[in-house]
Amino acid sequence: MNQNKKLYRSQSNVMLGGVCAGLGDYVDLDPTIVRLIFVVMFLTASFGFWLYLIMWIIVPPEPVDSVQARRAVIDAQPLDDEEVNHD
């Protein structure tokens, strides 16, 4: 695991508060799996609810510059032939 990695709430992959997506990014796990783990914890003892709520309050949101960088990569589209300069 990268030593410089920090835990943030995701701002680009949000279902409720971005906690599961941020945690998934931090531990290199699909956010869907993290969400399923939280649902199972919630259904078994409501521990998942309290843990999610506490993390939503404590974990800071992802910095804006990294969100913009992700969106730029996602939104990037290949250039059309008309846009390419053929000089």
PDB file of N, CA and C in Angstrom:
ATOM      1  N   MET A   1       0.843  -1.186   0.000  1.00  0.00           N
ATOM      2  CA  MET A   1       0.000   0.000   0.000  1.00  0.00           C
ATOM      3  C   MET A   1       0.885   1.244   0.000  1.00  0.00           C
ATOM      4  N   ASN A   2       0.479   2.238  -0.705  1.00  0.00           N
ATOM      5  CA  ASN A   2       1.228   3.478  -0.821  1.00  0.00           C
ATOM      6  C   ASN A   2       1.256   4.208   0.529  1.00  0.00           C
ATOM      7  N   GLN A   3       2.428   4.613   0.964  1.00  0.00           N
ATOM      8  CA  GLN A   3       2.569   5.285   2.255  1.00  0.00           C
ATOM      9  C   GLN A   3       1.954   6.681   2.250  1.00  0.00           C
ATOM     10  N   ASN A   4       1.849   7.335   1.087  1.00  0.00           N
ATOM     11  CA  ASN A   4       1.335   8.692   1.014  1.00  0.00           C
ATOM     12  C   ASN A   4      -0.166   8.755   0.799  1.00  0.00           C
ATOM     13  N   LYS A   5      -0.824   7.624   0.774  1.00  0.00           N
ATOM     14  CA  LYS A   5      -2.254   7.586   0.528  1.00  0.00           C
ATOM     15  C   LYS A   5      -3.006   8.082   1.761  1.00  0.00           C
ATOM     16  N   LYS A   6      -4.055   8.901   1.521  1.00  0.00           N
ATOM     17  CA  LYS A   6      -4.866   9.415   2.614  1.00  0.00           C
ATOM     18  C   LYS A   6      -6.311   9.005   2.406  1.00  0.00           C
ATOM     19  N   LEU A   7      -7.024   8.865   3.497  1.00  0.00           N
ATOM     20  CA  LEU A   7      -8.426   8.476   3.449  1.00  0.00           C
ATOM     21  C   LEU A   7      -9.291   9.715   3.295  1.00  0.00           C
ATOM     22  N   TYR A   8     -10.072   9.746   2.216  1.00  0.00           N
ATOM     23  CA  TYR A   8     -11.000  10.836   1.944  1.00  0.00           C
ATOM     24  C   TYR A   8     -12.357  10.259   1.575  1.00  0.00           C
ATOM     25  N   ARG A   9     -13.399  11.057   1.771  1.00  0.00           N
ATOM     26  CA  ARG A   9     -14.711  10.717   1.228  1.00  0.00           C
ATOM     27  C   ARG A   9     -14.694  11.088  -0.244  1.00  0.00           C
ATOM     28  N   SER A  10     -15.098  10.165  -1.086  1.00  0.00           N
ATOM     29  CA  SER A  10     -15.088  10.415  -2.522  1.00  0.00           C
ATOM     30  C   SER A  10     -16.124  11.468  -2.884  1.00  0.00           C
ATOM     31  N   GLN A  11     -15.750  12.348  -3.793  1.00  0.00           N
ATOM     32  CA  GLN A  11     -16.684  13.347  -4.307  1.00  0.00           C
ATOM     33  C   GLN A  11     -17.129  12.999  -5.721  1.00  0.00           C
ATOM     34  N   SER A  12     -16.475  12.013  -6.332  1.00  0.00           N
ATOM     35  CA  SER A  12     -16.795  11.655  -7.707  1.00  0.00           C
ATOM     36  C   SER A  12     -17.595  10.357  -7.820  1.00  0.00           C
ATOM     37  N   ASN A  13     -17.537   9.511  -6.816  1.00  0.00           N
ATOM     38  CA  ASN A  13     -18.244   8.227  -6.833  1.00  0.00           C
ATOM     39  C   ASN A  13     -19.104   8.153  -5.572  1.00  0.00           C
ATOM     40  N   VAL A  14     -20.167   8.942  -5.535  1.00  0.00           N
ATOM     41  CA  VAL A  14     -20.960   9.110  -4.325  1.00  0.00           C
ATOM     42  C   VAL A  14     -22.300   8.409  -4.456  1.00  0.00           C
ATOM     43  N   MET A  15     -22.680   7.642  -3.447  1.00  0.00           N
ATOM     44  CA  MET A  15     -24.030   7.096  -3.361  1.00  0.00           C
ATOM     45  C   MET A  15     -24.795   7.840  -2.268  1.00  0.00           C
ATOM     46  N   LEU A  16     -24.171   7.996  -1.135  1.00  0.00           N
ATOM     47  CA  LEU A  16     -24.786   8.720  -0.025  1.00  0.00           C
ATOM     48  C   LEU A  16     -23.834   9.810   0.464  1.00  0.00           C
ATOM     49  N   GLY A  17     -22.725   9.405   1.048  1.00  0.00           N
ATOM     50  CA  GLY A  17     -21.778  10.385   1.559  1.00  0.00           C
ATOM     51  C   GLY A  17     -20.381  10.239   0.988  1.00  0.00           C
ATOM     52  N   GLY A  18     -20.155   9.227   0.152  1.00  0.00           N
ATOM     53  CA  GLY A  18     -18.838   9.005  -0.434  1.00  0.00           C
ATOM     54  C   GLY A  18     -17.893   8.223   0.442  1.00  0.00           C
ATOM     55  N   VAL A  19     -18.384   7.733   1.586  1.00  0.00           N
ATOM     56  CA  VAL A  19     -17.526   7.017   2.531  1.00  0.00           C
ATOM     57  C   VAL A  19     -17.044   5.699   1.943  1.00  0.00           C
ATOM     58  N   CYS A  20     -17.938   4.901   1.401  1.00  0.00           N
ATOM     59  CA  CYS A  20     -17.568   3.579   0.889  1.00  0.00           C
ATOM     60  C   CYS A  20     -16.637   3.679  -0.308  1.00  0.00           C
ATOM     61  N   ALA A  21     -16.892   4.617  -1.201  1.00  0.00           N
ATOM     62  CA  ALA A  21     -16.018   4.798  -2.362  1.00  0.00           C
ATOM     63  C   ALA A  21     -14.637   5.271  -1.923  1.00  0.00           C
ATOM     64  N   GLY A  22     -14.585   6.178  -0.972  1.00  0.00           N
ATOM     65  CA  GLY A  22     -13.299   6.649  -0.456  1.00  0.00           C
ATOM     66  C   GLY A  22     -12.534   5.544   0.249  1.00  0.00           C
ATOM     67  N   LEU A  23     -13.244   4.740   1.028  1.00  0.00           N
ATOM     68  CA  LEU A  23     -12.609   3.617   1.720  1.00  0.00           C
ATOM     69  C   LEU A  23     -12.135   2.578   0.711  1.00  0.00           C
ATOM     70  N   GLY A  24     -12.936   2.343  -0.324  1.00  0.00           N
ATOM     71  CA  GLY A  24     -12.536   1.412  -1.374  1.00  0.00           C
ATOM     72  C   GLY A  24     -11.291   1.878  -2.106  1.00  0.00           C
ATOM     73  N   ASP A  25     -11.214   3.172  -2.404  1.00  0.00           N
ATOM     74  CA  ASP A  25     -10.010   3.725  -3.037  1.00  0.00           C
ATOM     75  C   ASP A  25      -8.801   3.574  -2.132  1.00  0.00           C
ATOM     76  N   TYR A  26      -9.002   3.767  -0.857  1.00  0.00           N
ATOM     77  CA  TYR A  26      -7.901   3.708   0.105  1.00  0.00           C
ATOM     78  C   TYR A  26      -7.317   2.302   0.223  1.00  0.00           C
ATOM     79  N   VAL A  27      -8.181   1.283   0.213  1.00  0.00           N
ATOM     80  CA  VAL A  27      -7.706  -0.097   0.378  1.00  0.00           C
ATOM     81  C   VAL A  27      -7.661  -0.853  -0.947  1.00  0.00           C
ATOM     82  N   ASP A  28      -7.806  -0.132  -2.073  1.00  0.00           N
ATOM     83  CA  ASP A  28      -7.773  -0.732  -3.415  1.00  0.00           C
ATOM     84  C   ASP A  28      -8.791  -1.867  -3.555  1.00  0.00           C
ATOM     85  N   LEU A  29     -10.035  -1.550  -3.222  1.00  0.00           N
ATOM     86  CA  LEU A  29     -11.133  -2.503  -3.298  1.00  0.00           C
ATOM     87  C   LEU A  29     -12.299  -1.824  -4.010  1.00  0.00           C
ATOM     88  N   ASP A  30     -13.058  -2.583  -4.759  1.00  0.00           N
ATOM     89  CA  ASP A  30     -14.207  -2.038  -5.473  1.00  0.00           C
ATOM     90  C   ASP A  30     -15.192  -1.438  -4.468  1.00  0.00           C
ATOM     91  N   PRO A  31     -15.652  -0.208  -4.692  1.00  0.00           N
ATOM     92  CA  PRO A  31     -16.593   0.430  -3.757  1.00  0.00           C
ATOM     93  C   PRO A  31     -17.886  -0.362  -3.564  1.00  0.00           C
ATOM     94  N   THR A  32     -18.289  -1.129  -4.568  1.00  0.00           N
ATOM     95  CA  THR A  32     -19.501  -1.947  -4.438  1.00  0.00           C
ATOM     96  C   THR A  32     -19.326  -3.004  -3.360  1.00  0.00           C
ATOM     97  N   ILE A  33     -18.148  -3.590  -3.280  1.00  0.00           N
ATOM     98  CA  ILE A  33     -17.878  -4.592  -2.247  1.00  0.00           C
ATOM     99  C   ILE A  33     -17.902  -3.945  -0.872  1.00  0.00           C
ATOM    100  N   VAL A  34     -17.312  -2.762  -0.758  1.00  0.00           N
ATOM    101  CA  VAL A  34     -17.323  -2.045   0.526  1.00  0.00           C
ATOM    102  C   VAL A  34     -18.763  -1.707   0.914  1.00  0.00           C
ATOM    103  N   ARG A  35     -19.571  -1.289  -0.046  1.00  0.00           N
ATOM    104  CA  ARG A  35     -20.981  -0.978   0.233  1.00  0.00           C
ATOM    105  C   ARG A  35     -21.721  -2.214   0.722  1.00  0.00           C
ATOM    106  N   LEU A  36     -21.469  -3.362   0.085  1.00  0.00           N
ATOM    107  CA  LEU A  36     -22.118  -4.605   0.516  1.00  0.00           C
ATOM    108  C   LEU A  36     -21.709  -4.991   1.932  1.00  0.00           C
ATOM    109  N   ILE A  37     -20.455  -4.773   2.266  1.00  0.00           N
ATOM    110  CA  ILE A  37     -19.985  -5.064   3.629  1.00  0.00           C
ATOM    111  C   ILE A  37     -20.723  -4.178   4.637  1.00  0.00           C
ATOM    112  N   PHE A  38     -20.880  -2.898   4.313  1.00  0.00           N
ATOM    113  CA  PHE A  38     -21.609  -1.997   5.202  1.00  0.00           C
ATOM    114  C   PHE A  38     -23.071  -2.406   5.338  1.00  0.00           C
ATOM    115  N   VAL A  39     -23.693  -2.846   4.256  1.00  0.00           N
ATOM    116  CA  VAL A  39     -25.090  -3.289   4.322  1.00  0.00           C
ATOM    117  C   VAL A  39     -25.220  -4.513   5.217  1.00  0.00           C
ATOM    118  N   VAL A  40     -24.312  -5.466   5.068  1.00  0.00           N
ATOM    119  CA  VAL A  40     -24.341  -6.664   5.914  1.00  0.00           C
ATOM    120  C   VAL A  40     -24.132  -6.287   7.375  1.00  0.00           C
ATOM    121  N   MET A  41     -23.186  -5.385   7.640  1.00  0.00           N
ATOM    122  CA  MET A  41     -22.970  -4.949   9.027  1.00  0.00           C
ATOM    123  C   MET A  41     -24.195  -4.228   9.567  1.00  0.00           C
ATOM    124  N   PHE A  42     -24.875  -3.468   8.724  1.00  0.00           N
ATOM    125  CA  PHE A  42     -26.074  -2.762   9.158  1.00  0.00           C
ATOM    126  C   PHE A  42     -27.192  -3.740   9.482  1.00  0.00           C
ATOM    127  N   LEU A  43     -27.374  -4.738   8.652  1.00  0.00           N
ATOM    128  CA  LEU A  43     -28.464  -5.695   8.849  1.00  0.00           C
ATOM    129  C   LEU A  43     -28.226  -6.639  10.021  1.00  0.00           C
ATOM    130  N   THR A  44     -26.976  -6.897  10.352  1.00  0.00           N
ATOM    131  CA  THR A  44     -26.699  -7.843  11.435  1.00  0.00           C
ATOM    132  C   THR A  44     -26.762  -7.208  12.817  1.00  0.00           C
ATOM    133  N   ALA A  45     -26.239  -6.012  12.959  1.00  0.00           N
ATOM    134  CA  ALA A  45     -26.224  -5.443  14.314  1.00  0.00           C
ATOM    135  C   ALA A  45     -26.303  -3.924  14.318  1.00  0.00           C
ATOM    136  N   SER A  46     -26.638  -3.332  13.220  1.00  0.00           N
ATOM    137  CA  SER A  46     -26.691  -1.881  13.023  1.00  0.00           C
ATOM    138  C   SER A  46     -25.343  -1.203  13.274  1.00  0.00           C
ATOM    139  N   PHE A  47     -24.296  -2.001  13.400  1.00  0.00           N
ATOM    140  CA  PHE A  47     -22.952  -1.456  13.580  1.00  0.00           C
ATOM    141  C   PHE A  47     -22.529  -0.680  12.336  1.00  0.00           C
ATOM    142  N   GLY A  48     -22.918  -1.175  11.170  1.00  0.00           N
ATOM    143  CA  GLY A  48     -22.560  -0.522   9.911  1.00  0.00           C
ATOM    144  C   GLY A  48     -23.103   0.889   9.830  1.00  0.00           C
ATOM    145  N   PHE A  49     -24.316   1.093  10.312  1.00  0.00           N
ATOM    146  CA  PHE A  49     -24.919   2.425  10.296  1.00  0.00           C
ATOM    147  C   PHE A  49     -24.103   3.402  11.122  1.00  0.00           C
ATOM    148  N   TRP A  50     -23.770   3.003  12.335  1.00  0.00           N
ATOM    149  CA  TRP A  50     -23.025   3.906  13.230  1.00  0.00           C
ATOM    150  C   TRP A  50     -21.610   4.152  12.720  1.00  0.00           C
ATOM    151  N   LEU A  51     -20.972   3.114  12.185  1.00  0.00           N
ATOM    152  CA  LEU A  51     -19.633   3.280  11.636  1.00  0.00           C
ATOM    153  C   LEU A  51     -19.661   4.222  10.436  1.00  0.00           C
ATOM    154  N   TYR A  52     -20.644   4.038   9.546  1.00  0.00           N
ATOM    155  CA  TYR A  52     -20.769   4.903   8.372  1.00  0.00           C
ATOM    156  C   TYR A  52     -21.019   6.348   8.797  1.00  0.00           C
ATOM    157  N   LEU A  53     -21.910   6.539   9.736  1.00  0.00           N
ATOM    158  CA  LEU A  53     -22.238   7.883  10.204  1.00  0.00           C
ATOM    159  C   LEU A  53     -21.017   8.572  10.823  1.00  0.00           C
ATOM    160  N   ILE A  54     -20.279   7.851  11.641  1.00  0.00           N
ATOM    161  CA  ILE A  54     -19.076   8.416  12.265  1.00  0.00           C
ATOM    162  C   ILE A  54     -18.029   8.752  11.211  1.00  0.00           C
ATOM    163  N   MET A  55     -17.845   7.845  10.236  1.00  0.00           N
ATOM    164  CA  MET A  55     -16.858   8.112   9.187  1.00  0.00           C
ATOM    165  C   MET A  55     -17.289   9.280   8.307  1.00  0.00           C
ATOM    166  N   TRP A  56     -18.596   9.409   8.067  1.00  0.00           N
ATOM    167  CA  TRP A  56     -19.108  10.517   7.262  1.00  0.00           C
ATOM    168  C   TRP A  56     -18.780  11.854   7.936  1.00  0.00           C
ATOM    169  N   ILE A  57     -18.841  11.885   9.261  1.00  0.00           N
ATOM    170  CA  ILE A  57     -18.563  13.104  10.011  1.00  0.00           C
ATOM    171  C   ILE A  57     -17.056  13.368  10.113  1.00  0.00           C
ATOM    172  N   ILE A  58     -16.270  12.326  10.349  1.00  0.00           N
ATOM    173  CA  ILE A  58     -14.849  12.491  10.642  1.00  0.00           C
ATOM    174  C   ILE A  58     -13.965  12.568   9.397  1.00  0.00           C
ATOM    175  N   VAL A  59     -14.221  11.727   8.396  1.00  0.00           N
ATOM    176  CA  VAL A  59     -13.349  11.651   7.223  1.00  0.00           C
ATOM    177  C   VAL A  59     -13.572  12.886   6.343  1.00  0.00           C
ATOM    178  N   PRO A  60     -12.500  13.588   6.003  1.00  0.00           N
ATOM    179  CA  PRO A  60     -12.653  14.804   5.186  1.00  0.00           C
ATOM    180  C   PRO A  60     -13.007  14.461   3.740  1.00  0.00           C
ATOM    181  N   PRO A  61     -13.662  15.391   3.050  1.00  0.00           N
ATOM    182  CA  PRO A  61     -13.962  15.152   1.630  1.00  0.00           C
ATOM    183  C   PRO A  61     -12.699  15.196   0.778  1.00  0.00           C
ATOM    184  N   GLU A  62     -12.773  14.540  -0.351  1.00  0.00           N
ATOM    185  CA  GLU A  62     -11.667  14.510  -1.289  1.00  0.00           C
ATOM    186  C   GLU A  62     -11.363  15.926  -1.775  1.00  0.00           C
ATOM    187  N   PRO A  63     -10.078  16.297  -1.900  1.00  0.00           N
ATOM    188  CA  PRO A  63      -9.730  17.635  -2.381  1.00  0.00           C
ATOM    189  C   PRO A  63     -10.305  17.896  -3.774  1.00  0.00           C
ATOM    190  N   VAL A  64     -10.667  19.131  -4.027  1.00  0.00           N
ATOM    191  CA  VAL A  64     -11.320  19.505  -5.283  1.00  0.00           C
ATOM    192  C   VAL A  64     -10.415  19.240  -6.476  1.00  0.00           C
ATOM    193  N   ASP A  65      -9.120  19.481  -6.355  1.00  0.00           N
ATOM    194  CA  ASP A  65      -8.226  19.300  -7.495  1.00  0.00           C
ATOM    195  C   ASP A  65      -8.168  17.856  -7.961  1.00  0.00           C
ATOM    196  N   SER A  66      -8.223  16.886  -7.048  1.00  0.00           N
ATOM    197  CA  SER A  66      -8.200  15.488  -7.466  1.00  0.00           C
ATOM    198  C   SER A  66      -9.535  15.081  -8.085  1.00  0.00           C
ATOM    199  N   VAL A  67     -10.637  15.676  -7.628  1.00  0.00           N
ATOM    200  CA  VAL A  67     -11.949  15.402  -8.226  1.00  0.00           C
ATOM    201  C   VAL A  67     -11.969  15.936  -9.650  1.00  0.00           C
ATOM    202  N   GLN A  68     -11.469  17.139  -9.852  1.00  0.00           N
ATOM    203  CA  GLN A  68     -11.433  17.731 -11.190  1.00  0.00           C
ATOM    204  C   GLN A  68     -10.533  16.925 -12.115  1.00  0.00           C
ATOM    205  N   ALA A  69      -9.431  16.405 -11.602  1.00  0.00           N
ATOM    206  CA  ALA A  69      -8.528  15.600 -12.427  1.00  0.00           C
ATOM    207  C   ALA A  69      -9.216  14.306 -12.860  1.00  0.00           C
ATOM    208  N   ARG A  70      -9.951  13.657 -11.953  1.00  0.00           N
ATOM    209  CA  ARG A  70     -10.682  12.445 -12.318  1.00  0.00           C
ATOM    210  C   ARG A  70     -11.745  12.735 -13.363  1.00  0.00           C
ATOM    211  N   ARG A  71     -12.480  13.813 -13.167  1.00  0.00           N
ATOM    212  CA  ARG A  71     -13.537  14.153 -14.122  1.00  0.00           C
ATOM    213  C   ARG A  71     -12.960  14.509 -15.483  1.00  0.00           C
ATOM    214  N   ALA A  72     -11.790  15.136 -15.510  1.00  0.00           N
ATOM    215  CA  ALA A  72     -11.161  15.464 -16.785  1.00  0.00           C
ATOM    216  C   ALA A  72     -10.775  14.203 -17.538  1.00  0.00           C
ATOM    217  N   VAL A  73     -10.284  13.203 -16.824  1.00  0.00           N
ATOM    218  CA  VAL A  73      -9.919  11.940 -17.460  1.00  0.00           C
ATOM    219  C   VAL A  73     -11.172  11.218 -17.944  1.00  0.00           C
ATOM    220  N   ILE A  74     -12.218  11.211 -17.136  1.00  0.00           N
ATOM    221  CA  ILE A  74     -13.457  10.535 -17.508  1.00  0.00           C
ATOM    222  C   ILE A  74     -14.117  11.224 -18.692  1.00  0.00           C
ATOM    223  N   ASP A  75     -14.118  12.550 -18.691  1.00  0.00           N
ATOM    224  CA  ASP A  75     -14.786  13.312 -19.741  1.00  0.00           C
ATOM    225  C   ASP A  75     -13.970  13.443 -21.023  1.00  0.00           C
ATOM    226  N   ALA A  76     -12.704  13.041 -20.979  1.00  0.00           N
ATOM    227  CA  ALA A  76     -11.851  13.187 -22.159  1.00  0.00           C
ATOM    228  C   ALA A  76     -12.397  12.332 -23.296  1.00  0.00           C
ATOM    229  N   GLN A  77     -12.507  12.958 -24.437  1.00  0.00           N
ATOM    230  CA  GLN A  77     -12.992  12.255 -25.618  1.00  0.00           C
ATOM    231  C   GLN A  77     -11.941  12.369 -26.706  1.00  0.00           C
ATOM    232  N   PRO A  78     -11.850  11.341 -27.562  1.00  0.00           N
ATOM    233  CA  PRO A  78     -10.864  11.424 -28.641  1.00  0.00           C
ATOM    234  C   PRO A  78     -11.219  12.537 -29.618  1.00  0.00           C
ATOM    235  N   LEU A  79     -10.203  13.116 -30.219  1.00  0.00           N
ATOM    236  CA  LEU A  79     -10.405  14.195 -31.180  1.00  0.00           C
ATOM    237  C   LEU A  79     -10.983  13.639 -32.477  1.00  0.00           C
ATOM    238  N   ASP A  80     -11.863  14.405 -33.084  1.00  0.00           N
ATOM    239  CA  ASP A  80     -12.376  14.054 -34.398  1.00  0.00           C
ATOM    240  C   ASP A  80     -11.314  14.397 -35.440  1.00  0.00           C
ATOM    241  N   ASP A  81     -11.436  13.805 -36.619  1.00  0.00           N
ATOM    242  CA  ASP A  81     -10.491  14.101 -37.695  1.00  0.00           C
ATOM    243  C   ASP A  81     -10.523  15.577 -38.081  1.00  0.00           C
ATOM    244  N   GLU A  82     -11.684  16.206 -37.950  1.00  0.00           N
ATOM    245  CA  GLU A  82     -11.813  17.621 -38.305  1.00  0.00           C
ATOM    246  C   GLU A  82     -11.055  18.523 -37.357  1.00  0.00           C
ATOM    247  N   GLU A  83     -10.887  18.079 -36.084  1.00  0.00           N
ATOM    248  CA  GLU A  83     -10.222  18.905 -35.073  1.00  0.00           C
ATOM    249  C   GLU A  83      -8.702  18.788 -35.151  1.00  0.00           C
ATOM    250  N   VAL A  84      -8.187  17.767 -35.817  1.00  0.00           N
ATOM    251  CA  VAL A  84      -6.753  17.553 -35.898  1.00  0.00           C
ATOM    252  C   VAL A  84      -6.191  18.397 -37.030  1.00  0.00           C
ATOM    253  N   ASN A  85      -5.132  19.119 -36.737  1.00  0.00           N
ATOM    254  CA  ASN A  85      -4.476  19.949 -37.742  1.00  0.00           C
ATOM    255  C   ASN A  85      -3.596  19.064 -38.607  1.00  0.00           C
ATOM    256  N   HIS A  86      -3.832  19.039 -39.904  1.00  0.00           N
ATOM    257  CA  HIS A  86      -3.088  18.171 -40.809  1.00  0.00           C
ATOM    258  C   HIS A  86      -1.913  18.871 -41.478  1.00  0.00           C
ATOM    259  N   ASP A  87      -1.355  19.916 -40.882  1.00  0.00           N
ATOM    260  CA  ASP A  87      -0.228  20.645 -41.483  1.00  0.00           C
ATOM    261  C   ASP A  87       1.067  19.935 -41.286  1.00  0.00           C
TER     262      ASP A  87
END
